[in-house]
């Protein structure tokens, strides 16, 4: 089983456990809305581009709202089955779905007040580290100060160069990735001058 398949299986268990009306970290989306998003992403190639392209977002939202009328258990089953054979996500699943499954799994877990970080495998943390660097360059591109990501074992990567000031975001790769994806329910230790830290934390890092 690949890392993406394993995380997908765990996401499905959590979707089943929390129920369709459970809150998420994705604005006002419920667990059912999140499930519909994942189904559209992998199974509605006509609408999936609007997830990233604002010009097409209206159509994507319309399709997702329609998909969200599907019974919850059917949506969860579709996610569990993975990308259909005709979807480009089928071949690319091990490469592009690790981060997607992880972030949305945590969107469910961390929407609850009693959330705590999971202990992930070294292999998983290493994969998320490589994704965090790539996503971070986009997420922090508007920062007025430099941004450096740093792991507990001392690995660093500069994702934003801006002037002489910089902020260091220190934490596990999984936490760094979540922050880069715009989530605030994270366990990180930011350092730098207070104004710089505030500027980084207040950035619109959403995708």
Protein backbone atom coordinates (compact mmCIF):
# COMPACT_ATOMS: atom_id res chain seq x y z
CA UNK A 1 0.00 0.00 0.00
CA UNK A 2 1.36 3.42 -0.94
CA UNK A 3 1.44 6.37 1.44
CA UNK A 4 -1.44 7.95 -0.49
CA UNK A 5 -3.53 4.78 -0.27
CA UNK A 6 -2.86 4.42 3.44
CA UNK A 7 -3.82 8.04 4.17
CA UNK A 8 -6.93 7.66 2.00
CA UNK A 9 -7.98 4.62 4.02
CA UNK A 10 -7.52 6.53 7.27
CA UNK A 11 -9.45 9.50 5.90
CA UNK A 12 -12.33 7.20 4.98
CA UNK A 13 -12.40 5.80 8.52
CA UNK A 14 -12.57 9.31 9.94
CA UNK A 15 -15.27 10.40 7.47
CA UNK A 16 -17.33 7.40 8.55
CA UNK A 17 -16.72 8.01 12.25
CA UNK A 18 -17.56 11.74 12.38
CA UNK A 19 -20.66 11.68 10.18
CA UNK A 20 -21.79 13.96 7.38
CA UNK A 21 -22.63 17.02 9.48
CA UNK A 22 -19.26 17.20 11.24
CA UNK A 23 -17.42 20.53 10.91
CA UNK A 24 -14.15 20.92 9.03
CA UNK A 25 -11.41 23.53 8.83
CA UNK A 26 -12.59 24.41 5.31
CA UNK A 27 -14.78 27.38 6.15
CA UNK A 28 -18.42 26.39 6.46
CA UNK A 29 -17.96 23.03 4.76
CA UNK A 30 -19.28 19.98 6.57
CA UNK A 31 -17.76 16.52 6.23
CA UNK A 32 -20.25 15.88 3.41
CA UNK A 33 -19.13 19.01 1.55
CA UNK A 34 -15.52 17.89 1.92
CA UNK A 35 -16.38 14.44 0.62
CA UNK A 36 -18.16 16.01 -2.38
CA UNK A 37 -15.07 18.13 -3.07
CA UNK A 38 -12.85 15.04 -3.17
CA UNK A 39 -15.25 13.20 -5.46
CA UNK A 40 -15.43 16.16 -7.86
CA UNK A 41 -11.64 16.47 -7.85
CA UNK A 42 -11.11 12.86 -8.93
CA UNK A 43 -14.25 12.01 -10.88
CA UNK A 44 -15.54 15.21 -12.51
CA UNK A 45 -12.73 16.26 -14.82
CA UNK A 46 -14.97 18.92 -16.36
CA UNK A 47 -15.29 20.67 -13.00
CA UNK A 48 -12.00 19.88 -11.26
CA UNK A 49 -10.01 22.75 -12.87
CA UNK A 50 -12.16 25.29 -11.04
CA UNK A 51 -10.69 24.10 -7.74
CA UNK A 52 -7.55 26.03 -8.66
CA UNK A 53 -8.71 28.45 -11.35
CA UNK A 54 -10.92 31.32 -10.07
CA UNK A 55 -12.39 31.88 -13.53
CA UNK A 56 -13.96 28.41 -13.42
CA UNK A 57 -14.77 28.34 -9.71
CA UNK A 58 -18.47 29.15 -10.20
CA UNK A 59 -19.04 26.08 -12.35
CA UNK A 60 -17.08 23.90 -9.96
CA UNK A 61 -19.16 25.13 -7.02
CA UNK A 62 -22.37 24.37 -8.92
CA UNK A 63 -21.21 20.83 -9.71
CA UNK A 64 -19.97 20.25 -6.17
CA UNK A 65 -23.29 21.38 -4.71
CA UNK A 66 -25.06 18.90 -6.98
CA UNK A 67 -22.67 16.09 -6.04
CA UNK A 68 -23.24 16.93 -2.37
CA UNK A 69 -26.86 15.79 -2.73
CA UNK A 70 -25.58 12.23 -3.16
CA UNK A 71 -26.06 10.06 -0.05
CA UNK A 72 -23.07 10.41 2.26
CA UNK A 73 -22.21 6.72 2.32
CA UNK A 74 -22.01 6.70 -1.47
CA UNK A 75 -19.62 9.66 -1.47
CA UNK A 76 -17.42 7.98 1.13
CA UNK A 77 -17.46 4.75 -0.86
CA UNK A 78 -16.37 6.63 -3.98
CA UNK A 79 -13.44 8.15 -2.07
CA UNK A 80 -12.51 4.73 -0.66
CA UNK A 81 -12.46 3.27 -4.16
CA UNK A 82 -9.84 5.76 -5.27
CA UNK A 83 -9.61 7.47 -8.65
CA UNK A 84 -11.46 5.64 -11.46
CA UNK A 85 -9.38 3.96 -14.14
CA UNK A 86 -10.10 6.73 -16.66
CA UNK A 87 -8.96 9.50 -14.35
CA UNK A 88 -5.41 10.90 -14.62
CA UNK A 89 -5.40 10.77 -10.82
CA UNK A 90 -5.30 6.96 -11.06
CA UNK A 91 -1.76 6.86 -12.39
CA UNK A 92 -0.60 9.89 -10.41
CA UNK A 93 -2.22 8.88 -7.13
CA UNK A 94 1.04 7.96 -5.32
CA UNK A 95 2.59 11.29 -6.30
CA UNK A 96 -0.13 13.91 -5.97
CA UNK A 97 -2.61 12.55 -3.47
CA UNK A 98 -0.46 12.13 -0.36
CA UNK A 99 -0.70 15.80 0.59
CA UNK A 100 -4.34 16.10 -0.48
CA UNK A 101 -5.48 13.15 1.61
CA UNK A 102 -3.40 14.21 4.60
CA UNK A 103 -4.51 17.85 4.66
CA UNK A 104 -8.19 17.03 4.29
CA UNK A 105 -7.94 14.26 6.87
CA UNK A 106 -6.58 16.82 9.31
CA UNK A 107 -9.33 19.25 8.26
CA UNK A 108 -11.73 16.76 9.81
CA UNK A 109 -9.64 15.83 12.84
CA UNK A 110 -8.60 19.35 13.84
CA UNK A 111 -12.03 20.91 13.55
CA UNK A 112 -12.72 19.34 16.94
CA UNK A 113 -11.54 21.21 20.06
CA UNK A 114 -9.80 18.14 21.47
CA UNK A 115 -7.59 17.52 18.45
CA UNK A 116 -4.00 16.37 18.80
CA UNK A 117 -1.25 15.75 16.28
CA UNK A 118 -0.83 12.22 14.99
CA UNK A 119 2.46 10.38 15.16
CA UNK A 120 3.32 9.72 11.51
CA UNK A 121 5.97 7.45 10.06
CA UNK A 122 9.37 8.83 9.14
CA UNK A 123 8.60 8.01 5.51
CA UNK A 124 5.38 10.00 5.64
CA UNK A 125 6.99 13.00 7.34
CA UNK A 126 9.78 12.98 4.75
CA UNK A 127 7.27 12.97 1.91
CA UNK A 128 5.31 15.81 3.48
CA UNK A 129 8.56 17.76 3.91
CA UNK A 130 9.19 17.70 0.18
CA UNK A 131 5.62 18.87 -0.47
CA UNK A 132 5.83 21.60 2.19
CA UNK A 133 8.78 23.24 0.45
CA UNK A 134 6.98 23.30 -2.88
CA UNK A 135 3.66 24.53 -1.49
CA UNK A 136 5.41 27.02 0.79
CA UNK A 137 6.92 28.92 -2.12
CA UNK A 138 3.41 29.70 -3.31
CA UNK A 139 1.77 30.11 0.10
CA UNK A 140 4.24 32.70 1.40
CA UNK A 141 4.96 34.53 -1.84
CA UNK A 142 3.16 37.63 -0.55
CA UNK A 143 5.10 37.81 2.70
CA UNK A 144 6.88 41.13 3.37
CA UNK A 145 9.59 39.20 5.23
CA UNK A 146 11.61 36.11 4.41
CA UNK A 147 10.15 32.76 5.46
CA UNK A 148 12.22 29.71 6.40
CA UNK A 149 10.78 26.29 7.25
CA UNK A 150 12.70 24.25 9.79
CA UNK A 151 12.21 20.70 11.07
CA UNK A 152 13.13 19.36 14.54
CA UNK A 153 16.13 17.54 13.07
CA UNK A 154 17.57 20.77 11.65
CA UNK A 155 16.54 20.62 8.01
CA UNK A 156 15.70 24.03 6.57
CA UNK A 157 14.38 25.45 3.34
CA UNK A 158 13.83 29.09 2.42
CA UNK A 159 10.44 29.47 0.79
CA UNK A 160 10.38 33.26 0.62
CA UNK A 161 13.21 35.78 0.28
CA UNK A 162 12.24 39.36 1.10
CA UNK A 163 14.65 41.93 2.51
CA UNK A 164 16.85 41.28 5.51
CA UNK A 165 14.17 40.23 7.98
CA UNK A 166 13.00 36.65 8.15
CA UNK A 167 10.65 34.45 10.13
CA UNK A 168 11.48 30.84 10.92
CA UNK A 169 8.56 28.41 11.20
CA UNK A 170 9.78 25.41 13.17
CA UNK A 171 7.90 22.15 13.47
CA UNK A 172 7.34 18.71 12.02
CA UNK A 173 6.91 18.59 8.23
CA UNK A 174 3.27 17.64 8.67
CA UNK A 175 2.61 20.79 10.70
CA UNK A 176 4.55 22.97 8.28
CA UNK A 177 2.56 21.62 5.35
CA UNK A 178 -0.74 22.33 7.06
CA UNK A 179 0.33 25.90 7.81
CA UNK A 180 1.41 26.39 4.21
CA UNK A 181 -2.05 25.23 3.14
CA UNK A 182 -3.60 27.99 5.22
CA UNK A 183 -4.53 26.06 8.35
CA UNK A 184 -4.11 27.70 11.73
CA UNK A 185 -4.79 24.65 13.90
CA UNK A 186 -1.13 23.64 13.88
CA UNK A 187 1.67 22.95 16.34
CA UNK A 188 4.47 25.28 15.23
CA UNK A 189 7.06 27.49 16.91
CA UNK A 190 7.50 30.70 14.87
CA UNK A 191 10.48 32.94 15.59
CA UNK A 192 11.51 36.38 14.36
CA UNK A 193 10.52 39.92 15.21
CA UNK A 194 6.88 40.14 16.35
CA UNK A 195 5.75 42.27 13.41
CA UNK A 196 7.25 39.79 10.98
CA UNK A 197 5.64 36.82 12.69
CA UNK A 198 2.27 38.59 12.70
CA UNK A 199 2.64 39.39 9.01
CA UNK A 200 3.32 35.74 8.13
CA UNK A 201 0.51 34.43 10.30
CA UNK A 202 -2.00 36.86 8.78
CA UNK A 203 -1.16 36.03 5.16
CA UNK A 204 -3.89 34.62 2.96
CA UNK A 205 -2.35 31.19 2.45
CA UNK A 206 -5.46 29.50 1.13
CA UNK A 207 -5.49 27.60 -2.12
